[in-house]
Amino acid sequence: MIDAIEDAIINRIEAARPGLGYQLKAVASYGGELDEDLGQVVRGFPAIWVTFAGSGKSRKKNSAGSKWITPATFAVMHAARNVRGERATRYGVSVGGAILEVGVYQMLADTRTMLLGNDLGLPITKLQPGATRTLYNTRLGGQGIAVFVREWHTEFVEEMPREAIDPTSGDFLKLGIDYHLQPDDGTADLSDEITLA
């Protein structure tokens, strides 16, 4: 389910891209981009990355203990750069209401609109916003860069897998097959019995 939720968050943001009023160079699953040469990475800004941030302790959903409710947290990273400096990376640049250069604050607001209260068409609780933190807010090579992350929380049900059938248990040692020729009169025309032991 974790992979399905992460992909659904990415797909939701991707689907909204044409209506944002600004261009995102990347919407993807986070793959350690910020751990590489930051001077190279910023060329791919503005960008949004999504990753699974972790889960909390599961709790029983039923008395048999076969279903568990698992809380999960996903991190959505918003990255922007601007030659005008750090403030412009956060606030962006707009003229007459048109976004010329997007800032991280606008990106955060847009993803909030996309994700808040959304179950993404999956059997999960509706997404709830969590903490927002600054990862980077600095200057690099004469330009400002900002990377902010917002957590999103949800819960989903995990079911214990059924126990595998043990062929030595005696539960499933024979297979019976009845064959009915057409027109079927309700009586088997031929029967087979296969012993599995």
N, C-alpha and C. Protein backbone atom coordinates (compact mmCIF):
# COMPACT_ATOMS: atom_id res chain seq x y z
N MET A 1 0.82 -1.20 0.00
CA MET A 1 0.00 0.00 0.00
C MET A 1 0.86 1.26 0.00
N ILE A 2 2.04 1.19 0.64
CA ILE A 2 2.91 2.37 0.71
C ILE A 2 3.27 2.85 -0.68
N ASP A 3 3.64 1.91 -1.55
CA ASP A 3 4.02 2.30 -2.91
C ASP A 3 2.84 2.90 -3.67
N ALA A 4 1.64 2.34 -3.46
CA ALA A 4 0.45 2.86 -4.14
C ALA A 4 0.13 4.28 -3.68
N ILE A 5 0.30 4.56 -2.39
CA ILE A 5 0.02 5.91 -1.88
C ILE A 5 1.03 6.90 -2.43
N GLU A 6 2.32 6.54 -2.39
CA GLU A 6 3.34 7.45 -2.92
C GLU A 6 3.09 7.75 -4.39
N ASP A 7 2.81 6.70 -5.17
CA ASP A 7 2.54 6.91 -6.60
C ASP A 7 1.29 7.76 -6.81
N ALA A 8 0.26 7.56 -5.99
CA ALA A 8 -0.98 8.33 -6.14
C ALA A 8 -0.75 9.81 -5.82
N ILE A 9 0.08 10.11 -4.84
CA ILE A 9 0.41 11.51 -4.53
C ILE A 9 1.12 12.14 -5.73
N ILE A 10 2.10 11.43 -6.28
CA ILE A 10 2.82 11.93 -7.45
C ILE A 10 1.86 12.15 -8.61
N ASN A 11 0.99 11.17 -8.87
CA ASN A 11 0.04 11.28 -9.98
C ASN A 11 -0.93 12.44 -9.79
N ARG A 12 -1.34 12.70 -8.54
CA ARG A 12 -2.26 13.81 -8.27
C ARG A 12 -1.60 15.14 -8.59
N ILE A 13 -0.35 15.30 -8.18
CA ILE A 13 0.38 16.54 -8.46
C ILE A 13 0.65 16.66 -9.96
N GLU A 14 1.04 15.56 -10.56
CA GLU A 14 1.32 15.53 -12.00
C GLU A 14 0.07 15.93 -12.80
N ALA A 15 -1.09 15.43 -12.40
CA ALA A 15 -2.33 15.74 -13.11
C ALA A 15 -2.69 17.22 -13.02
N ALA A 16 -2.27 17.88 -11.94
CA ALA A 16 -2.60 19.30 -11.75
C ALA A 16 -1.60 20.23 -12.43
N ARG A 17 -0.48 19.71 -12.90
CA ARG A 17 0.58 20.55 -13.47
C ARG A 17 0.10 21.55 -14.52
N PRO A 18 -0.73 21.14 -15.48
CA PRO A 18 -1.13 22.09 -16.52
C PRO A 18 -1.87 23.33 -16.00
N GLY A 19 -2.54 23.22 -14.86
CA GLY A 19 -3.33 24.34 -14.34
C GLY A 19 -2.65 25.17 -13.28
N LEU A 20 -1.39 24.92 -13.00
CA LEU A 20 -0.71 25.61 -11.91
C LEU A 20 -0.36 27.06 -12.22
N GLY A 21 -0.13 27.38 -13.47
CA GLY A 21 0.28 28.75 -13.80
C GLY A 21 1.79 28.93 -13.75
N TYR A 22 2.51 27.86 -13.56
CA TYR A 22 3.97 27.87 -13.60
C TYR A 22 4.44 26.47 -13.98
N GLN A 23 5.67 26.39 -14.41
CA GLN A 23 6.23 25.14 -14.88
C GLN A 23 7.04 24.45 -13.79
N LEU A 24 6.75 23.20 -13.52
CA LEU A 24 7.58 22.39 -12.64
C LEU A 24 8.49 21.56 -13.53
N LYS A 25 9.78 21.57 -13.22
CA LYS A 25 10.71 20.78 -14.04
C LYS A 25 10.67 19.31 -13.67
N ALA A 26 10.24 19.01 -12.46
CA ALA A 26 10.18 17.60 -12.04
C ALA A 26 9.10 17.40 -10.98
N VAL A 27 8.37 16.31 -11.12
CA VAL A 27 7.49 15.78 -10.09
C VAL A 27 7.81 14.29 -10.06
N ALA A 28 8.42 13.83 -8.97
CA ALA A 28 8.92 12.45 -8.97
C ALA A 28 9.06 11.91 -7.55
N SER A 29 9.33 10.63 -7.49
CA SER A 29 9.67 9.98 -6.23
C SER A 29 11.08 10.42 -5.85
N TYR A 30 11.27 10.77 -4.59
CA TYR A 30 12.59 11.25 -4.16
C TYR A 30 13.60 10.12 -4.20
N GLY A 31 14.72 10.40 -4.86
CA GLY A 31 15.77 9.39 -5.00
C GLY A 31 17.12 9.88 -4.54
N GLY A 32 17.14 10.74 -3.53
CA GLY A 32 18.42 11.22 -3.00
C GLY A 32 19.00 12.38 -3.78
N GLU A 33 18.18 13.06 -4.56
CA GLU A 33 18.67 14.17 -5.38
C GLU A 33 19.42 15.22 -4.56
N LEU A 34 18.96 15.52 -3.36
CA LEU A 34 19.59 16.56 -2.55
C LEU A 34 20.90 16.10 -1.92
N ASP A 35 21.21 14.83 -2.04
CA ASP A 35 22.48 14.31 -1.52
C ASP A 35 23.60 14.42 -2.55
N GLU A 36 23.25 14.80 -3.77
CA GLU A 36 24.23 14.90 -4.84
C GLU A 36 24.76 16.33 -4.91
N ASP A 37 25.48 16.65 -5.96
CA ASP A 37 26.05 17.98 -6.16
C ASP A 37 24.91 19.00 -6.27
N LEU A 38 24.72 19.78 -5.22
CA LEU A 38 23.60 20.72 -5.16
C LEU A 38 23.66 21.74 -6.30
N GLY A 39 24.87 22.11 -6.71
CA GLY A 39 25.02 23.04 -7.83
C GLY A 39 24.41 22.50 -9.11
N GLN A 40 24.47 21.19 -9.30
CA GLN A 40 23.85 20.55 -10.47
C GLN A 40 22.35 20.36 -10.26
N VAL A 41 21.99 19.96 -9.06
CA VAL A 41 20.59 19.63 -8.76
C VAL A 41 19.68 20.84 -8.94
N VAL A 42 20.15 22.04 -8.54
CA VAL A 42 19.29 23.23 -8.60
C VAL A 42 18.88 23.58 -10.02
N ARG A 43 19.60 23.08 -11.00
CA ARG A 43 19.20 23.32 -12.40
C ARG A 43 17.87 22.66 -12.73
N GLY A 44 17.50 21.69 -11.93
CA GLY A 44 16.22 21.00 -12.11
C GLY A 44 15.10 21.58 -11.27
N PHE A 45 15.30 22.75 -10.67
CA PHE A 45 14.26 23.42 -9.88
C PHE A 45 13.46 24.34 -10.79
N PRO A 46 12.20 24.58 -10.53
CA PRO A 46 11.40 24.10 -9.40
C PRO A 46 11.03 22.62 -9.56
N ALA A 47 11.00 21.94 -8.43
CA ALA A 47 10.72 20.51 -8.44
C ALA A 47 9.95 20.12 -7.19
N ILE A 48 9.23 19.03 -7.31
CA ILE A 48 8.54 18.44 -6.17
C ILE A 48 8.89 16.96 -6.15
N TRP A 49 9.31 16.50 -4.97
CA TRP A 49 9.62 15.08 -4.78
C TRP A 49 8.76 14.53 -3.66
N VAL A 50 8.41 13.27 -3.77
CA VAL A 50 7.56 12.60 -2.78
C VAL A 50 8.28 11.35 -2.28
N THR A 51 8.20 11.11 -0.98
CA THR A 51 8.78 9.90 -0.42
C THR A 51 8.01 9.47 0.82
N PHE A 52 8.10 8.19 1.12
CA PHE A 52 7.52 7.64 2.35
C PHE A 52 8.44 8.04 3.50
N ALA A 53 7.87 8.65 4.53
CA ALA A 53 8.68 9.13 5.65
C ALA A 53 8.67 8.18 6.84
N GLY A 54 7.73 7.25 6.88
CA GLY A 54 7.69 6.29 7.98
C GLY A 54 6.26 6.01 8.41
N SER A 55 6.14 5.07 9.34
CA SER A 55 4.82 4.74 9.87
C SER A 55 4.88 4.65 11.38
N GLY A 56 3.73 4.81 11.98
CA GLY A 56 3.63 4.68 13.42
C GLY A 56 3.25 3.26 13.80
N LYS A 57 3.00 3.06 15.08
CA LYS A 57 2.63 1.74 15.58
C LYS A 57 1.23 1.38 15.10
N SER A 58 1.09 0.19 14.53
CA SER A 58 -0.21 -0.28 14.07
C SER A 58 -1.07 -0.67 15.27
N ARG A 59 -2.38 -0.58 15.09
CA ARG A 59 -3.31 -1.00 16.14
C ARG A 59 -4.35 -1.95 15.53
N LYS A 60 -4.85 -2.85 16.36
CA LYS A 60 -5.80 -3.85 15.88
C LYS A 60 -7.08 -3.19 15.39
N LYS A 61 -7.59 -3.72 14.28
CA LYS A 61 -8.88 -3.27 13.78
C LYS A 61 -9.97 -4.26 14.18
N ASN A 62 -9.60 -5.55 14.30
CA ASN A 62 -10.59 -6.55 14.69
C ASN A 62 -10.05 -7.40 15.83
N SER A 63 -10.95 -8.09 16.51
CA SER A 63 -10.54 -8.87 17.69
C SER A 63 -9.68 -10.07 17.32
N ALA A 64 -9.79 -10.56 16.10
CA ALA A 64 -8.99 -11.71 15.68
C ALA A 64 -7.54 -11.32 15.42
N GLY A 65 -7.30 -10.04 15.27
CA GLY A 65 -5.94 -9.58 15.00
C GLY A 65 -5.49 -9.84 13.58
N SER A 66 -6.45 -10.06 12.68
CA SER A 66 -6.09 -10.30 11.29
C SER A 66 -6.06 -9.01 10.47
N LYS A 67 -6.59 -7.93 11.03
CA LYS A 67 -6.57 -6.64 10.34
C LYS A 67 -5.99 -5.59 11.29
N TRP A 68 -5.10 -4.78 10.76
CA TRP A 68 -4.40 -3.77 11.55
C TRP A 68 -4.48 -2.42 10.84
N ILE A 69 -4.70 -1.37 11.62
CA ILE A 69 -4.70 0.00 11.08
C ILE A 69 -3.29 0.55 11.25
N THR A 70 -2.70 0.96 10.14
CA THR A 70 -1.32 1.45 10.15
C THR A 70 -1.29 2.93 9.77
N PRO A 71 -0.80 3.79 10.67
CA PRO A 71 -0.62 5.20 10.32
C PRO A 71 0.65 5.36 9.48
N ALA A 72 0.56 6.17 8.44
CA ALA A 72 1.70 6.37 7.55
C ALA A 72 1.91 7.86 7.30
N THR A 73 3.16 8.24 7.14
CA THR A 73 3.53 9.63 6.86
C THR A 73 4.32 9.68 5.56
N PHE A 74 3.95 10.63 4.72
CA PHE A 74 4.64 10.86 3.46
C PHE A 74 5.18 12.28 3.46
N ALA A 75 6.34 12.46 2.88
CA ALA A 75 6.98 13.77 2.81
C ALA A 75 6.93 14.27 1.37
N VAL A 76 6.45 15.50 1.21
CA VAL A 76 6.44 16.14 -0.11
C VAL A 76 7.42 17.31 -0.04
N MET A 77 8.48 17.21 -0.82
CA MET A 77 9.53 18.23 -0.84
C MET A 77 9.29 19.20 -1.99
N HIS A 78 9.39 20.49 -1.70
CA HIS A 78 9.17 21.56 -2.67
C HIS A 78 10.48 22.33 -2.81
N ALA A 79 11.00 22.44 -4.01
CA ALA A 79 12.30 23.08 -4.22
C ALA A 79 12.21 24.17 -5.28
N ALA A 80 12.80 25.33 -4.97
CA ALA A 80 12.82 26.45 -5.92
C ALA A 80 14.17 27.15 -5.84
N ARG A 81 14.50 27.86 -6.90
CA ARG A 81 15.71 28.68 -6.93
C ARG A 81 15.36 30.00 -7.58
N ASN A 82 16.16 31.03 -7.27
CA ASN A 82 15.92 32.33 -7.88
C ASN A 82 17.19 33.16 -7.78
N VAL A 83 17.57 33.79 -8.88
CA VAL A 83 18.79 34.62 -8.88
C VAL A 83 18.59 35.89 -8.07
N ARG A 84 17.35 36.24 -7.76
CA ARG A 84 17.08 37.45 -6.98
C ARG A 84 17.39 37.26 -5.49
N GLY A 85 17.58 36.04 -5.04
CA GLY A 85 17.93 35.82 -3.65
C GLY A 85 16.98 34.89 -2.93
N GLU A 86 17.27 34.72 -1.64
CA GLU A 86 16.51 33.76 -0.84
C GLU A 86 15.03 34.12 -0.72
N ARG A 87 14.73 35.39 -0.52
CA ARG A 87 13.33 35.79 -0.37
C ARG A 87 12.52 35.41 -1.62
N ALA A 88 13.07 35.65 -2.78
CA ALA A 88 12.37 35.33 -4.02
C ALA A 88 12.17 33.82 -4.18
N THR A 89 13.06 33.01 -3.61
CA THR A 89 12.85 31.56 -3.69
C THR A 89 11.65 31.13 -2.86
N ARG A 90 11.36 31.89 -1.82
CA ARG A 90 10.21 31.56 -0.98
C ARG A 90 8.93 32.21 -1.50
N TYR A 91 9.00 33.50 -1.82
CA TYR A 91 7.81 34.25 -2.22
C TYR A 91 7.50 34.16 -3.71
N GLY A 92 8.51 33.91 -4.53
CA GLY A 92 8.31 33.92 -5.97
C GLY A 92 8.21 35.33 -6.50
N VAL A 93 7.96 35.44 -7.79
CA VAL A 93 7.82 36.75 -8.44
C VAL A 93 6.54 36.71 -9.26
N SER A 94 5.62 37.64 -8.97
CA SER A 94 4.36 37.74 -9.69
C SER A 94 4.18 39.16 -10.19
N VAL A 95 3.54 39.29 -11.34
CA VAL A 95 3.20 40.60 -11.89
C VAL A 95 1.74 40.55 -12.31
N GLY A 96 0.94 41.43 -11.72
CA GLY A 96 -0.49 41.47 -12.05
C GLY A 96 -1.21 40.16 -11.78
N GLY A 97 -0.77 39.43 -10.78
CA GLY A 97 -1.40 38.16 -10.42
C GLY A 97 -0.86 36.96 -11.19
N ALA A 98 -0.05 37.21 -12.21
CA ALA A 98 0.54 36.11 -12.98
C ALA A 98 1.87 35.72 -12.36
N ILE A 99 2.06 34.45 -12.15
CA ILE A 99 3.31 33.96 -11.56
C ILE A 99 4.39 33.91 -12.63
N LEU A 100 5.41 34.73 -12.46
CA LEU A 100 6.55 34.70 -13.38
C LEU A 100 7.58 33.67 -12.93
N GLU A 101 7.83 33.63 -11.64
CA GLU A 101 8.77 32.68 -11.05
C GLU A 101 8.15 32.18 -9.75
N VAL A 102 7.93 30.89 -9.69
CA VAL A 102 7.25 30.34 -8.52
C VAL A 102 8.19 30.28 -7.32
N GLY A 103 7.62 30.53 -6.16
CA GLY A 103 8.34 30.37 -4.90
C GLY A 103 7.82 29.16 -4.15
N VAL A 104 8.56 28.75 -3.15
CA VAL A 104 8.20 27.56 -2.38
C VAL A 104 6.86 27.74 -1.67
N TYR A 105 6.55 28.95 -1.19
CA TYR A 105 5.28 29.16 -0.49
C TYR A 105 4.09 28.87 -1.40
N GLN A 106 4.17 29.29 -2.66
CA GLN A 106 3.09 29.01 -3.62
C GLN A 106 2.98 27.51 -3.89
N MET A 107 4.12 26.86 -4.02
CA MET A 107 4.11 25.41 -4.25
C MET A 107 3.47 24.68 -3.07
N LEU A 108 3.81 25.10 -1.85
CA LEU A 108 3.21 24.50 -0.65
C LEU A 108 1.70 24.69 -0.64
N ALA A 109 1.26 25.90 -0.99
CA ALA A 109 -0.18 26.19 -1.01
C ALA A 109 -0.89 25.34 -2.06
N ASP A 110 -0.26 25.17 -3.21
CA ASP A 110 -0.88 24.39 -4.29
C ASP A 110 -0.97 22.91 -3.94
N THR A 111 0.09 22.35 -3.38
CA THR A 111 0.01 20.93 -3.02
C THR A 111 -0.98 20.72 -1.87
N ARG A 112 -1.10 21.71 -1.01
CA ARG A 112 -2.10 21.62 0.07
C ARG A 112 -3.50 21.52 -0.53
N THR A 113 -3.78 22.35 -1.53
CA THR A 113 -5.08 22.31 -2.19
C THR A 113 -5.32 20.96 -2.86
N MET A 114 -4.28 20.41 -3.45
CA MET A 114 -4.41 19.13 -4.16
C MET A 114 -4.62 17.94 -3.22
N LEU A 115 -3.97 17.97 -2.07
CA LEU A 115 -3.91 16.78 -1.23
C LEU A 115 -4.80 16.79 0.01
N LEU A 116 -5.10 17.95 0.56
CA LEU A 116 -5.86 18.05 1.81
C LEU A 116 -7.22 17.37 1.69
N GLY A 117 -7.48 16.41 2.56
CA GLY A 117 -8.77 15.72 2.57
C GLY A 117 -8.98 14.77 1.41
N ASN A 118 -7.93 14.42 0.70
CA ASN A 118 -8.03 13.57 -0.48
C ASN A 118 -7.62 12.15 -0.10
N ASP A 119 -8.41 11.17 -0.53
CA ASP A 119 -8.02 9.77 -0.30
C ASP A 119 -7.37 9.16 -1.53
N LEU A 120 -7.21 9.97 -2.57
CA LEU A 120 -6.50 9.57 -3.79
C LEU A 120 -7.11 8.36 -4.48
N GLY A 121 -8.37 8.07 -4.17
CA GLY A 121 -9.03 6.91 -4.76
C GLY A 121 -8.56 5.58 -4.19
N LEU A 122 -7.91 5.63 -3.05
CA LEU A 122 -7.38 4.43 -2.41
C LEU A 122 -8.12 4.15 -1.10
N PRO A 123 -8.06 2.92 -0.60
CA PRO A 123 -8.70 2.62 0.69
C PRO A 123 -7.84 3.10 1.86
N ILE A 124 -7.75 4.42 1.99
CA ILE A 124 -6.97 5.06 3.05
C ILE A 124 -7.83 6.16 3.66
N THR A 125 -7.43 6.62 4.85
CA THR A 125 -8.11 7.80 5.40
C THR A 125 -7.65 9.01 4.61
N LYS A 126 -8.45 10.04 4.63
CA LYS A 126 -8.12 11.25 3.87
C LYS A 126 -6.82 11.86 4.39
N LEU A 127 -6.01 12.35 3.46
CA LEU A 127 -4.73 12.94 3.82
C LEU A 127 -4.91 14.15 4.72
N GLN A 128 -4.08 14.23 5.74
CA GLN A 128 -4.08 15.36 6.67
C GLN A 128 -2.68 15.97 6.67
N PRO A 129 -2.62 17.31 6.66
CA PRO A 129 -1.29 17.94 6.66
C PRO A 129 -0.61 17.82 8.01
N GLY A 130 0.69 17.69 7.95
CA GLY A 130 1.50 17.63 9.16
C GLY A 130 2.47 18.79 9.19
N ALA A 131 3.59 18.57 9.81
CA ALA A 131 4.61 19.62 9.98
C ALA A 131 5.21 20.03 8.64
N THR A 132 5.58 21.30 8.57
CA THR A 132 6.33 21.83 7.43
C THR A 132 7.67 22.31 7.97
N ARG A 133 8.74 21.88 7.29
CA ARG A 133 10.08 22.24 7.75
C ARG A 133 10.92 22.75 6.59
N THR A 134 11.91 23.56 6.95
CA THR A 134 12.88 24.05 5.98
C THR A 134 14.05 23.07 5.92
N LEU A 135 14.35 22.59 4.71
CA LEU A 135 15.54 21.76 4.53
C LEU A 135 16.72 22.63 4.10
N TYR A 136 16.46 23.54 3.16
CA TYR A 136 17.47 24.50 2.70
C TYR A 136 16.80 25.85 2.53
N ASN A 137 17.49 26.88 2.91
CA ASN A 137 17.08 28.26 2.65
C ASN A 137 18.36 29.07 2.67
N THR A 138 19.03 29.11 1.53
CA THR A 138 20.39 29.65 1.50
C THR A 138 20.72 30.21 0.13
N ARG A 139 21.95 30.69 0.00
CA ARG A 139 22.47 31.14 -1.29
C ARG A 139 23.50 30.13 -1.77
N LEU A 140 23.50 29.92 -3.07
CA LEU A 140 24.46 29.02 -3.68
C LEU A 140 24.83 29.58 -5.05
N GLY A 141 26.10 29.93 -5.21
CA GLY A 141 26.56 30.44 -6.50
C GLY A 141 25.82 31.67 -6.97
N GLY A 142 25.51 32.58 -6.06
CA GLY A 142 24.86 33.83 -6.45
C GLY A 142 23.35 33.73 -6.62
N GLN A 143 22.76 32.63 -6.29
CA GLN A 143 21.30 32.52 -6.38
C GLN A 143 20.75 31.93 -5.08
N GLY A 144 19.51 32.26 -4.82
CA GLY A 144 18.86 31.72 -3.63
C GLY A 144 18.26 30.36 -3.94
N ILE A 145 18.33 29.46 -2.97
CA ILE A 145 17.64 28.18 -3.10
C ILE A 145 16.85 27.92 -1.82
N ALA A 146 15.72 27.30 -2.01
CA ALA A 146 14.88 26.94 -0.86
C ALA A 146 14.26 25.57 -1.12
N VAL A 147 14.33 24.73 -0.12
CA VAL A 147 13.67 23.42 -0.16
C VAL A 147 12.92 23.26 1.15
N PHE A 148 11.60 23.15 1.05
CA PHE A 148 10.75 22.95 2.21
C PHE A 148 10.06 21.59 2.06
N VAL A 149 9.82 20.94 3.19
CA VAL A 149 9.12 19.66 3.17
C VAL A 149 7.88 19.75 4.04
N ARG A 150 6.79 19.20 3.52
CA ARG A 150 5.55 19.10 4.30
C ARG A 150 5.19 17.63 4.43
N GLU A 151 4.84 17.25 5.65
CA GLU A 151 4.41 15.88 5.90
C GLU A 151 2.91 15.75 5.65
N TRP A 152 2.52 14.58 5.18
CA TRP A 152 1.11 14.25 4.98
C TRP A 152 0.84 12.92 5.67
N HIS A 153 -0.25 12.88 6.45
CA HIS A 153 -0.57 11.71 7.26
C HIS A 153 -1.84 11.03 6.76
N THR A 154 -1.82 9.70 6.83
CA THR A 154 -2.99 8.90 6.47
C THR A 154 -2.91 7.59 7.25
N GLU A 155 -3.93 6.78 7.12
CA GLU A 155 -3.95 5.44 7.71
C GLU A 155 -4.52 4.48 6.69
N PHE A 156 -4.06 3.24 6.75
CA PHE A 156 -4.59 2.20 5.89
C PHE A 156 -4.65 0.89 6.66
N VAL A 157 -5.44 -0.04 6.15
CA VAL A 157 -5.61 -1.33 6.82
C VAL A 157 -4.68 -2.36 6.18
N GLU A 158 -3.95 -3.04 7.05
CA GLU A 158 -3.11 -4.15 6.60
C GLU A 158 -3.77 -5.43 7.08
N GLU A 159 -3.87 -6.40 6.18
CA GLU A 159 -4.45 -7.69 6.55
C GLU A 159 -3.36 -8.73 6.62
N MET A 160 -3.44 -9.54 7.66
CA MET A 160 -2.48 -10.65 7.76
C MET A 160 -2.75 -11.61 6.62
N PRO A 161 -1.69 -12.12 6.00
CA PRO A 161 -1.92 -13.09 4.93
C PRO A 161 -2.49 -14.39 5.50
N ARG A 162 -3.27 -15.05 4.68
CA ARG A 162 -3.80 -16.34 5.11
C ARG A 162 -2.64 -17.31 5.29
N GLU A 163 -2.80 -18.20 6.22
CA GLU A 163 -1.75 -19.19 6.44
C GLU A 163 -1.65 -20.09 5.21
N ALA A 164 -0.43 -20.42 4.85
CA ALA A 164 -0.21 -21.32 3.72
C ALA A 164 -0.76 -22.70 4.06
N ILE A 165 -1.24 -23.38 3.05
CA ILE A 165 -1.77 -24.73 3.25
C ILE A 165 -0.60 -25.69 3.39
N ASP A 166 -0.60 -26.42 4.47
CA ASP A 166 0.44 -27.43 4.71
C ASP A 166 -0.04 -28.75 4.13
N PRO A 167 0.61 -29.25 3.07
CA PRO A 167 0.12 -30.48 2.45
C PRO A 167 0.21 -31.70 3.36
N THR A 168 0.96 -31.62 4.43
CA THR A 168 1.05 -32.75 5.36
C THR A 168 -0.01 -32.69 6.45
N SER A 169 -0.80 -31.63 6.46
CA SER A 169 -1.77 -31.46 7.55
C SER A 169 -3.01 -32.33 7.38
N GLY A 170 -3.23 -32.85 6.20
CA GLY A 170 -4.44 -33.64 5.97
C GLY A 170 -5.62 -32.80 5.54
N ASP A 171 -5.45 -31.49 5.51
CA ASP A 171 -6.56 -30.62 5.12
C ASP A 171 -6.84 -30.68 3.62
N PHE A 172 -5.80 -30.87 2.82
CA PHE A 172 -6.00 -30.84 1.37
C PHE A 172 -5.12 -31.93 0.76
N LEU A 173 -5.58 -33.16 0.86
CA LEU A 173 -4.80 -34.28 0.35
C LEU A 173 -5.42 -34.91 -0.88
N LYS A 174 -6.70 -34.62 -1.14
CA LYS A 174 -7.37 -35.20 -2.31
C LYS A 174 -8.13 -34.11 -3.05
N LEU A 175 -8.22 -34.31 -4.35
CA LEU A 175 -8.97 -33.39 -5.20
C LEU A 175 -9.94 -34.22 -6.02
N GLY A 176 -11.21 -33.89 -5.95
CA GLY A 176 -12.22 -34.59 -6.73
C GLY A 176 -12.72 -33.71 -7.86
N ILE A 177 -12.83 -34.29 -9.06
CA ILE A 177 -13.30 -33.54 -10.23
C ILE A 177 -14.43 -34.32 -10.88
N ASP A 178 -15.55 -33.65 -11.11
CA ASP A 178 -16.68 -34.25 -11.83
C ASP A 178 -16.78 -33.61 -13.20
N TYR A 179 -17.01 -34.45 -14.23
CA TYR A 179 -17.15 -33.97 -15.61
C TYR A 179 -18.60 -34.14 -16.02
N HIS A 180 -19.16 -33.11 -16.63
CA HIS A 180 -20.55 -33.12 -17.08
C HIS A 180 -20.57 -32.86 -18.58
N LEU A 181 -21.11 -33.82 -19.35
CA LEU A 181 -21.25 -33.64 -20.79
C LEU A 181 -22.53 -32.88 -21.08
N GLN A 182 -22.55 -32.18 -22.21
CA GLN A 182 -23.73 -31.40 -22.60
C GLN A 182 -24.62 -32.27 -23.47
N PRO A 183 -25.88 -32.23 -23.36
CA PRO A 183 -26.64 -31.48 -22.36
C PRO A 183 -26.47 -32.11 -20.98
N ASP A 184 -26.35 -31.25 -19.99
CA ASP A 184 -26.08 -31.68 -18.62
C ASP A 184 -27.38 -32.13 -17.97
N ASP A 185 -27.38 -33.35 -17.46
CA ASP A 185 -28.56 -33.87 -16.77
C ASP A 185 -28.44 -33.77 -15.25
N GLY A 186 -27.33 -33.12 -14.77
CA GLY A 186 -27.13 -32.95 -13.34
C GLY A 186 -26.36 -34.08 -12.69
N THR A 187 -26.10 -35.15 -13.43
CA THR A 187 -25.33 -36.28 -12.92
C THR A 187 -23.98 -36.29 -13.61
N ALA A 188 -22.91 -36.50 -12.85
CA ALA A 188 -21.57 -36.53 -13.42
C ALA A 188 -21.44 -37.70 -14.37
N ASP A 189 -20.92 -37.43 -15.58
CA ASP A 189 -20.70 -38.49 -16.55
C ASP A 189 -19.39 -39.22 -16.29
N LEU A 190 -18.45 -38.54 -15.64
CA LEU A 190 -17.16 -39.12 -15.32
C LEU A 190 -16.61 -38.40 -14.11
N SER A 191 -15.92 -39.11 -13.24
CA SER A 191 -15.32 -38.50 -12.04
C SER A 191 -13.88 -38.94 -11.91
N ASP A 192 -13.04 -38.04 -11.39
CA ASP A 192 -11.64 -38.34 -11.09
C ASP A 192 -11.37 -37.96 -9.66
N GLU A 193 -10.47 -38.70 -9.04
CA GLU A 193 -10.01 -38.34 -7.71
C GLU A 193 -8.49 -38.38 -7.73
N ILE A 194 -7.87 -37.27 -7.33
CA ILE A 194 -6.42 -37.16 -7.33
C ILE A 194 -5.96 -37.08 -5.89
N THR A 195 -5.05 -37.98 -5.51
CA THR A 195 -4.47 -37.96 -4.17
C THR A 195 -3.17 -37.19 -4.22
N LEU A 196 -3.01 -36.18 -3.38
CA LEU A 196 -1.85 -35.29 -3.42
C LEU A 196 -0.71 -35.72 -2.52
N ALA A 197 -0.94 -36.64 -1.63
CA ALA A 197 0.11 -37.02 -0.68
C ALA A 197 1.17 -37.89 -1.30
